[in-house]
Amino acid sequence: MANYYKQGVFNPKNPKKYKGVSPIIYRSGPEFRLMKFADNSDKIIYWQSESVPVPYIKPTDGRVHRYYIDFTFYFKEKDGTISKFLIEYKPWKQTQLPVRGRKSEKTWVTEQYNYVVNQAKWKAARQFAKSVGMKFIVLTEKNLDNPMG
């Protein structure tokens, strides 16, 4: 299982491919894996980490907040065209509607809160991506080994 709590500063081997803010911070093992993929893949022309802010309305307070999407990848397709992706990494469980089960009230409420907020963020990200000719995707541990399909 991936180490979700691994955090640190990523030092790229190909710094010219990185066009984002520095230092490059990873907040989980899977984010670190995606950074290594972007840094080492010949298909990634350039990439960014937490460089694109997207405004969204947080449903829990009705106010506008900024959501910094985990990654931006400029990806070379097999036919030579360039695809632009905004990519969020989340554990698969956090992408699914929470089920109560035997959870404590606090855990249940927290999972519902996070789910609703993430859905609002992702809706705004999809709209933003479409408006600037990009695609927004959420990656999980289930598709991390082949992030670009």
N, C-alpha and C. Protein backbone atom coordinates (compact mmCIF):
# COMPACT_ATOMS: atom_id res chain seq x y z
N MET A 1 0.85 -1.19 0.00
CA MET A 1 0.00 0.00 0.00
C MET A 1 0.89 1.25 0.00
N ALA A 2 0.44 2.26 -0.68
CA ALA A 2 1.21 3.51 -0.78
C ALA A 2 1.31 4.19 0.58
N ASN A 3 2.41 4.87 0.80
CA ASN A 3 2.59 5.64 2.03
C ASN A 3 2.00 7.03 1.79
N TYR A 4 0.79 7.25 2.29
CA TYR A 4 0.09 8.51 2.03
C TYR A 4 0.66 9.67 2.83
N TYR A 5 1.43 9.39 3.86
CA TYR A 5 1.87 10.45 4.76
C TYR A 5 3.31 10.91 4.50
N LYS A 6 3.92 10.38 3.46
CA LYS A 6 5.26 10.80 3.09
C LYS A 6 5.19 12.24 2.58
N GLN A 7 6.04 13.10 3.12
CA GLN A 7 6.05 14.50 2.69
C GLN A 7 7.49 14.97 2.55
N GLY A 8 7.69 15.96 1.71
CA GLY A 8 9.03 16.51 1.55
C GLY A 8 9.15 17.42 0.35
N VAL A 9 10.39 17.72 0.02
CA VAL A 9 10.70 18.58 -1.12
C VAL A 9 11.22 17.69 -2.24
N PHE A 10 10.65 17.87 -3.44
CA PHE A 10 11.06 17.10 -4.60
C PHE A 10 12.13 17.86 -5.36
N ASN A 11 13.23 17.18 -5.65
CA ASN A 11 14.32 17.77 -6.43
C ASN A 11 14.36 17.09 -7.79
N PRO A 12 13.88 17.76 -8.84
CA PRO A 12 13.79 17.12 -10.16
C PRO A 12 15.17 16.86 -10.77
N LYS A 13 15.24 15.74 -11.50
CA LYS A 13 16.45 15.42 -12.27
C LYS A 13 16.48 16.23 -13.57
N ASN A 14 15.30 16.66 -14.00
CA ASN A 14 15.16 17.44 -15.23
C ASN A 14 14.49 18.78 -14.89
N PRO A 15 15.22 19.66 -14.21
CA PRO A 15 14.59 20.90 -13.73
C PRO A 15 14.05 21.81 -14.83
N LYS A 16 14.53 21.68 -16.05
CA LYS A 16 14.02 22.52 -17.14
C LYS A 16 12.59 22.15 -17.52
N LYS A 17 12.15 20.93 -17.17
CA LYS A 17 10.77 20.51 -17.45
C LYS A 17 9.79 21.08 -16.44
N TYR A 18 10.27 21.53 -15.30
CA TYR A 18 9.39 22.02 -14.25
C TYR A 18 9.19 23.52 -14.41
N LYS A 19 7.93 23.95 -14.54
CA LYS A 19 7.61 25.36 -14.78
C LYS A 19 6.74 25.96 -13.67
N GLY A 20 6.76 25.36 -12.50
CA GLY A 20 5.87 25.81 -11.44
C GLY A 20 6.59 26.54 -10.33
N VAL A 21 5.87 26.67 -9.21
CA VAL A 21 6.41 27.35 -8.03
C VAL A 21 7.39 26.44 -7.32
N SER A 22 8.35 27.05 -6.66
CA SER A 22 9.35 26.31 -5.89
C SER A 22 9.33 26.79 -4.45
N PRO A 23 9.71 25.95 -3.51
CA PRO A 23 10.13 24.56 -3.70
C PRO A 23 8.95 23.69 -4.10
N ILE A 24 9.26 22.53 -4.68
CA ILE A 24 8.24 21.58 -5.11
C ILE A 24 7.96 20.66 -3.92
N ILE A 25 6.78 20.81 -3.34
CA ILE A 25 6.42 20.07 -2.14
C ILE A 25 5.49 18.91 -2.49
N TYR A 26 5.84 17.71 -2.04
CA TYR A 26 4.90 16.59 -2.15
C TYR A 26 4.33 16.32 -0.78
N ARG A 27 3.03 16.00 -0.76
CA ARG A 27 2.31 15.83 0.49
C ARG A 27 1.89 14.39 0.75
N SER A 28 2.31 13.49 -0.15
CA SER A 28 2.01 12.06 0.02
C SER A 28 2.94 11.26 -0.88
N GLY A 29 3.03 9.98 -0.59
CA GLY A 29 3.80 9.08 -1.43
C GLY A 29 3.30 9.06 -2.87
N PRO A 30 1.99 8.98 -3.09
CA PRO A 30 1.48 9.01 -4.46
C PRO A 30 1.81 10.31 -5.20
N GLU A 31 1.77 11.45 -4.52
CA GLU A 31 2.16 12.71 -5.17
C GLU A 31 3.64 12.65 -5.57
N PHE A 32 4.48 12.08 -4.71
CA PHE A 32 5.89 11.91 -5.03
C PHE A 32 6.05 11.05 -6.29
N ARG A 33 5.27 9.96 -6.38
CA ARG A 33 5.33 9.09 -7.57
C ARG A 33 4.93 9.84 -8.83
N LEU A 34 3.90 10.69 -8.74
CA LEU A 34 3.48 11.47 -9.90
C LEU A 34 4.54 12.48 -10.31
N MET A 35 5.22 13.06 -9.34
CA MET A 35 6.32 13.99 -9.65
C MET A 35 7.45 13.27 -10.35
N LYS A 36 7.80 12.08 -9.87
CA LYS A 36 8.85 11.30 -10.53
C LYS A 36 8.45 10.94 -11.95
N PHE A 37 7.17 10.57 -12.13
CA PHE A 37 6.66 10.26 -13.47
C PHE A 37 6.81 11.46 -14.39
N ALA A 38 6.35 12.62 -13.92
CA ALA A 38 6.42 13.83 -14.75
C ALA A 38 7.85 14.21 -15.07
N ASP A 39 8.72 14.09 -14.10
CA ASP A 39 10.13 14.45 -14.27
C ASP A 39 10.84 13.52 -15.25
N ASN A 40 10.50 12.23 -15.23
CA ASN A 40 11.23 11.24 -16.00
C ASN A 40 10.60 10.85 -17.33
N SER A 41 9.30 11.10 -17.51
CA SER A 41 8.61 10.66 -18.71
C SER A 41 8.96 11.54 -19.92
N ASP A 42 9.30 10.87 -21.01
CA ASP A 42 9.55 11.59 -22.26
C ASP A 42 8.26 12.20 -22.82
N LYS A 43 7.11 11.69 -22.37
CA LYS A 43 5.82 12.18 -22.86
C LYS A 43 5.39 13.48 -22.19
N ILE A 44 5.98 13.80 -21.05
CA ILE A 44 5.65 15.05 -20.36
C ILE A 44 6.61 16.13 -20.86
N ILE A 45 6.07 17.14 -21.51
CA ILE A 45 6.88 18.23 -22.03
C ILE A 45 7.30 19.16 -20.89
N TYR A 46 6.30 19.55 -20.10
CA TYR A 46 6.60 20.25 -18.85
C TYR A 46 5.45 20.07 -17.89
N TRP A 47 5.73 20.41 -16.63
CA TRP A 47 4.74 20.19 -15.59
C TRP A 47 4.86 21.23 -14.49
N GLN A 48 3.81 21.30 -13.68
CA GLN A 48 3.75 22.23 -12.56
C GLN A 48 3.11 21.51 -11.37
N SER A 49 3.40 22.02 -10.19
CA SER A 49 2.77 21.49 -8.98
C SER A 49 2.15 22.65 -8.20
N GLU A 50 0.87 22.49 -7.88
CA GLU A 50 0.12 23.48 -7.10
C GLU A 50 0.32 24.91 -7.61
N SER A 51 0.28 25.07 -8.93
CA SER A 51 0.51 26.37 -9.54
C SER A 51 -0.74 27.01 -10.12
N VAL A 52 -1.82 26.25 -10.21
CA VAL A 52 -3.04 26.78 -10.83
C VAL A 52 -4.13 26.92 -9.78
N PRO A 53 -4.46 28.16 -9.40
CA PRO A 53 -5.57 28.36 -8.46
C PRO A 53 -6.91 28.43 -9.21
N VAL A 54 -7.89 27.73 -8.68
CA VAL A 54 -9.23 27.74 -9.27
C VAL A 54 -10.20 28.21 -8.19
N PRO A 55 -10.95 29.29 -8.47
CA PRO A 55 -11.94 29.72 -7.49
C PRO A 55 -13.13 28.75 -7.46
N TYR A 56 -13.64 28.50 -6.28
CA TYR A 56 -14.83 27.65 -6.14
C TYR A 56 -15.64 28.14 -4.95
N ILE A 57 -16.90 27.83 -4.97
CA ILE A 57 -17.77 28.20 -3.84
C ILE A 57 -17.85 26.99 -2.92
N LYS A 58 -17.37 27.19 -1.71
CA LYS A 58 -17.40 26.12 -0.71
C LYS A 58 -18.83 25.97 -0.20
N PRO A 59 -19.42 24.80 -0.39
CA PRO A 59 -20.84 24.65 -0.04
C PRO A 59 -21.11 24.74 1.46
N THR A 60 -20.10 24.58 2.27
CA THR A 60 -20.31 24.62 3.72
C THR A 60 -20.37 26.03 4.29
N ASP A 61 -19.86 27.03 3.51
CA ASP A 61 -19.95 28.41 4.01
C ASP A 61 -20.45 29.39 2.94
N GLY A 62 -20.62 28.92 1.69
CA GLY A 62 -21.16 29.77 0.63
C GLY A 62 -20.20 30.83 0.13
N ARG A 63 -18.94 30.76 0.55
CA ARG A 63 -17.96 31.77 0.16
C ARG A 63 -17.02 31.23 -0.91
N VAL A 64 -16.41 32.17 -1.65
CA VAL A 64 -15.44 31.80 -2.67
C VAL A 64 -14.09 31.53 -2.00
N HIS A 65 -13.50 30.39 -2.39
CA HIS A 65 -12.17 30.00 -1.91
C HIS A 65 -11.33 29.67 -3.13
N ARG A 66 -10.02 29.52 -2.92
CA ARG A 66 -9.12 29.13 -4.01
C ARG A 66 -8.67 27.69 -3.78
N TYR A 67 -8.74 26.92 -4.84
CA TYR A 67 -8.33 25.52 -4.84
C TYR A 67 -7.10 25.41 -5.73
N TYR A 68 -5.99 24.97 -5.17
CA TYR A 68 -4.76 24.79 -5.95
C TYR A 68 -4.70 23.33 -6.38
N ILE A 69 -4.87 23.10 -7.66
CA ILE A 69 -4.88 21.75 -8.22
C ILE A 69 -3.47 21.17 -8.10
N ASP A 70 -3.38 19.88 -7.78
CA ASP A 70 -2.09 19.25 -7.50
C ASP A 70 -1.08 19.42 -8.64
N PHE A 71 -1.50 19.11 -9.87
CA PHE A 71 -0.53 19.11 -10.97
C PHE A 71 -1.12 19.66 -12.26
N THR A 72 -0.23 20.18 -13.09
CA THR A 72 -0.52 20.52 -14.47
C THR A 72 0.51 19.75 -15.30
N PHE A 73 0.04 18.94 -16.24
CA PHE A 73 0.93 18.19 -17.13
C PHE A 73 0.64 18.62 -18.56
N TYR A 74 1.68 18.93 -19.31
CA TYR A 74 1.60 19.12 -20.75
C TYR A 74 2.17 17.85 -21.36
N PHE A 75 1.30 17.08 -21.99
CA PHE A 75 1.56 15.69 -22.37
C PHE A 75 1.58 15.53 -23.88
N LYS A 76 2.63 14.89 -24.41
CA LYS A 76 2.73 14.65 -25.85
C LYS A 76 2.03 13.35 -26.20
N GLU A 77 0.99 13.45 -27.03
CA GLU A 77 0.22 12.28 -27.46
C GLU A 77 1.00 11.52 -28.54
N LYS A 78 0.56 10.30 -28.83
CA LYS A 78 1.23 9.46 -29.84
C LYS A 78 1.26 10.12 -31.21
N ASP A 79 0.23 10.92 -31.51
CA ASP A 79 0.18 11.58 -32.83
C ASP A 79 0.95 12.91 -32.85
N GLY A 80 1.61 13.24 -31.74
CA GLY A 80 2.42 14.46 -31.69
C GLY A 80 1.70 15.67 -31.14
N THR A 81 0.38 15.60 -30.99
CA THR A 81 -0.36 16.72 -30.42
C THR A 81 -0.08 16.83 -28.92
N ILE A 82 -0.35 18.00 -28.38
CA ILE A 82 -0.12 18.25 -26.96
C ILE A 82 -1.47 18.30 -26.24
N SER A 83 -1.60 17.50 -25.20
CA SER A 83 -2.79 17.54 -24.34
C SER A 83 -2.39 18.20 -23.03
N LYS A 84 -3.28 19.01 -22.51
CA LYS A 84 -3.02 19.74 -21.26
C LYS A 84 -3.97 19.22 -20.19
N PHE A 85 -3.38 18.77 -19.08
CA PHE A 85 -4.16 18.16 -18.01
C PHE A 85 -3.97 18.90 -16.70
N LEU A 86 -5.07 19.09 -15.99
CA LEU A 86 -5.04 19.48 -14.59
C LEU A 86 -5.34 18.19 -13.83
N ILE A 87 -4.48 17.84 -12.88
CA ILE A 87 -4.57 16.54 -12.23
C ILE A 87 -4.61 16.69 -10.72
N GLU A 88 -5.58 16.03 -10.13
CA GLU A 88 -5.70 15.96 -8.67
C GLU A 88 -5.48 14.52 -8.26
N TYR A 89 -4.72 14.32 -7.19
CA TYR A 89 -4.59 12.98 -6.63
C TYR A 89 -5.39 12.91 -5.33
N LYS A 90 -6.21 11.87 -5.21
CA LYS A 90 -6.94 11.60 -3.97
C LYS A 90 -7.02 10.09 -3.79
N PRO A 91 -6.94 9.61 -2.57
CA PRO A 91 -7.22 8.19 -2.35
C PRO A 91 -8.62 7.84 -2.87
N TRP A 92 -8.76 6.67 -3.48
CA TRP A 92 -10.02 6.27 -4.09
C TRP A 92 -11.18 6.42 -3.11
N LYS A 93 -10.96 6.06 -1.87
CA LYS A 93 -12.03 6.13 -0.86
C LYS A 93 -12.60 7.54 -0.76
N GLN A 94 -11.76 8.57 -0.94
CA GLN A 94 -12.21 9.95 -0.82
C GLN A 94 -12.96 10.43 -2.07
N THR A 95 -12.99 9.61 -3.11
CA THR A 95 -13.73 9.98 -4.32
C THR A 95 -15.13 9.38 -4.33
N GLN A 96 -15.41 8.56 -3.32
CA GLN A 96 -16.69 7.85 -3.25
C GLN A 96 -17.58 8.46 -2.16
N LEU A 97 -18.88 8.41 -2.40
CA LEU A 97 -19.84 8.89 -1.40
C LEU A 97 -19.63 8.10 -0.11
N PRO A 98 -19.42 8.78 1.01
CA PRO A 98 -19.17 8.06 2.27
C PRO A 98 -20.36 7.19 2.70
N VAL A 99 -20.03 6.05 3.26
CA VAL A 99 -21.03 5.13 3.80
C VAL A 99 -20.84 5.11 5.31
N ARG A 100 -21.92 5.19 6.05
CA ARG A 100 -21.85 5.32 7.51
C ARG A 100 -21.17 4.13 8.17
N GLY A 101 -21.67 2.95 7.98
CA GLY A 101 -21.09 1.76 8.60
C GLY A 101 -20.96 1.92 10.11
N ARG A 102 -19.84 1.50 10.65
CA ARG A 102 -19.60 1.55 12.11
C ARG A 102 -18.74 2.73 12.52
N LYS A 103 -18.66 3.72 11.70
CA LYS A 103 -17.82 4.89 11.99
C LYS A 103 -18.38 5.71 13.13
N SER A 104 -17.46 6.39 13.81
CA SER A 104 -17.91 7.33 14.84
C SER A 104 -18.62 8.49 14.17
N GLU A 105 -19.41 9.20 14.95
CA GLU A 105 -20.13 10.37 14.42
C GLU A 105 -19.15 11.38 13.85
N LYS A 106 -18.04 11.63 14.55
CA LYS A 106 -17.04 12.60 14.11
C LYS A 106 -16.43 12.19 12.76
N THR A 107 -16.06 10.93 12.62
CA THR A 107 -15.49 10.43 11.36
C THR A 107 -16.50 10.54 10.24
N TRP A 108 -17.73 10.15 10.50
CA TRP A 108 -18.80 10.20 9.51
C TRP A 108 -19.04 11.62 9.01
N VAL A 109 -19.10 12.57 9.94
CA VAL A 109 -19.33 13.98 9.57
C VAL A 109 -18.13 14.52 8.78
N THR A 110 -16.92 14.19 9.21
CA THR A 110 -15.71 14.65 8.51
C THR A 110 -15.66 14.11 7.08
N GLU A 111 -15.97 12.84 6.91
CA GLU A 111 -15.96 12.25 5.56
C GLU A 111 -17.01 12.91 4.66
N GLN A 112 -18.19 13.17 5.20
CA GLN A 112 -19.24 13.84 4.41
C GLN A 112 -18.80 15.25 4.02
N TYR A 113 -18.25 15.97 4.98
CA TYR A 113 -17.77 17.33 4.74
C TYR A 113 -16.72 17.33 3.63
N ASN A 114 -15.70 16.47 3.76
CA ASN A 114 -14.63 16.41 2.76
C ASN A 114 -15.17 16.03 1.38
N TYR A 115 -16.10 15.10 1.35
CA TYR A 115 -16.67 14.68 0.07
C TYR A 115 -17.39 15.84 -0.62
N VAL A 116 -18.24 16.55 0.11
CA VAL A 116 -19.00 17.66 -0.46
C VAL A 116 -18.07 18.77 -0.94
N VAL A 117 -17.06 19.10 -0.14
CA VAL A 117 -16.11 20.15 -0.53
C VAL A 117 -15.32 19.71 -1.77
N ASN A 118 -14.84 18.46 -1.79
CA ASN A 118 -14.10 17.97 -2.96
C ASN A 118 -14.96 18.00 -4.22
N GLN A 119 -16.22 17.63 -4.11
CA GLN A 119 -17.10 17.66 -5.28
C GLN A 119 -17.23 19.08 -5.82
N ALA A 120 -17.33 20.07 -4.94
CA ALA A 120 -17.42 21.47 -5.37
C ALA A 120 -16.11 21.92 -6.05
N LYS A 121 -14.99 21.52 -5.47
CA LYS A 121 -13.69 21.85 -6.06
C LYS A 121 -13.57 21.25 -7.46
N TRP A 122 -13.93 19.98 -7.58
CA TRP A 122 -13.76 19.29 -8.86
C TRP A 122 -14.72 19.80 -9.92
N LYS A 123 -15.90 20.21 -9.52
CA LYS A 123 -16.83 20.81 -10.48
C LYS A 123 -16.24 22.11 -11.02
N ALA A 124 -15.71 22.94 -10.13
CA ALA A 124 -15.09 24.20 -10.56
C ALA A 124 -13.86 23.92 -11.43
N ALA A 125 -13.08 22.90 -11.06
CA ALA A 125 -11.88 22.57 -11.84
C ALA A 125 -12.24 22.10 -13.25
N ARG A 126 -13.30 21.29 -13.37
CA ARG A 126 -13.74 20.83 -14.69
C ARG A 126 -14.17 22.01 -15.56
N GLN A 127 -14.93 22.93 -14.97
CA GLN A 127 -15.38 24.11 -15.71
C GLN A 127 -14.19 24.98 -16.12
N PHE A 128 -13.27 25.20 -15.19
CA PHE A 128 -12.08 26.00 -15.48
C PHE A 128 -11.26 25.35 -16.60
N ALA A 129 -11.00 24.05 -16.46
CA ALA A 129 -10.20 23.34 -17.45
C ALA A 129 -10.82 23.46 -18.84
N LYS A 130 -12.11 23.25 -18.92
CA LYS A 130 -12.80 23.35 -20.21
C LYS A 130 -12.66 24.75 -20.79
N SER A 131 -12.74 25.78 -19.94
CA SER A 131 -12.68 27.16 -20.42
C SER A 131 -11.30 27.54 -20.96
N VAL A 132 -10.26 26.81 -20.56
CA VAL A 132 -8.90 27.13 -21.04
C VAL A 132 -8.32 26.02 -21.92
N GLY A 133 -9.18 25.13 -22.42
CA GLY A 133 -8.74 24.08 -23.34
C GLY A 133 -7.92 22.98 -22.70
N MET A 134 -8.24 22.66 -21.45
CA MET A 134 -7.53 21.60 -20.74
C MET A 134 -8.52 20.52 -20.32
N LYS A 135 -7.99 19.44 -19.75
CA LYS A 135 -8.81 18.37 -19.20
C LYS A 135 -8.48 18.25 -17.71
N PHE A 136 -9.50 18.03 -16.90
CA PHE A 136 -9.30 17.81 -15.47
C PHE A 136 -9.56 16.35 -15.16
N ILE A 137 -8.61 15.72 -14.44
CA ILE A 137 -8.80 14.33 -14.04
C ILE A 137 -8.40 14.17 -12.57
N VAL A 138 -9.08 13.23 -11.93
CA VAL A 138 -8.73 12.85 -10.56
C VAL A 138 -8.12 11.47 -10.64
N LEU A 139 -6.88 11.36 -10.18
CA LEU A 139 -6.20 10.07 -10.13
C LEU A 139 -6.31 9.51 -8.72
N THR A 140 -6.38 8.19 -8.63
CA THR A 140 -6.39 7.49 -7.35
C THR A 140 -5.33 6.40 -7.40
N GLU A 141 -5.19 5.67 -6.31
CA GLU A 141 -4.24 4.55 -6.30
C GLU A 141 -4.63 3.49 -7.32
N LYS A 142 -5.88 3.50 -7.76
CA LYS A 142 -6.35 2.50 -8.73
C LYS A 142 -5.85 2.79 -10.16
N ASN A 143 -5.47 4.03 -10.46
CA ASN A 143 -4.97 4.33 -11.80
C ASN A 143 -3.64 5.07 -11.77
N LEU A 144 -2.95 5.00 -10.65
CA LEU A 144 -1.68 5.71 -10.48
C LEU A 144 -0.55 5.09 -11.30
N ASP A 145 -0.60 3.77 -11.54
CA ASP A 145 0.48 3.13 -12.28
C ASP A 145 0.49 3.50 -13.76
N ASN A 146 -0.63 3.99 -14.27
CA ASN A 146 -0.73 4.41 -15.66
C ASN A 146 -1.47 5.74 -15.71
N PRO A 147 -0.86 6.82 -15.19
CA PRO A 147 -1.60 8.07 -15.01
C PRO A 147 -2.12 8.73 -16.27
N MET A 148 -1.51 8.52 -17.39
CA MET A 148 -1.95 9.20 -18.61
C MET A 148 -2.64 8.23 -19.57
N GLY A 149 -3.11 7.11 -19.03
CA GLY A 149 -3.91 6.18 -19.83
C GLY A 149 -3.14 5.31 -20.68
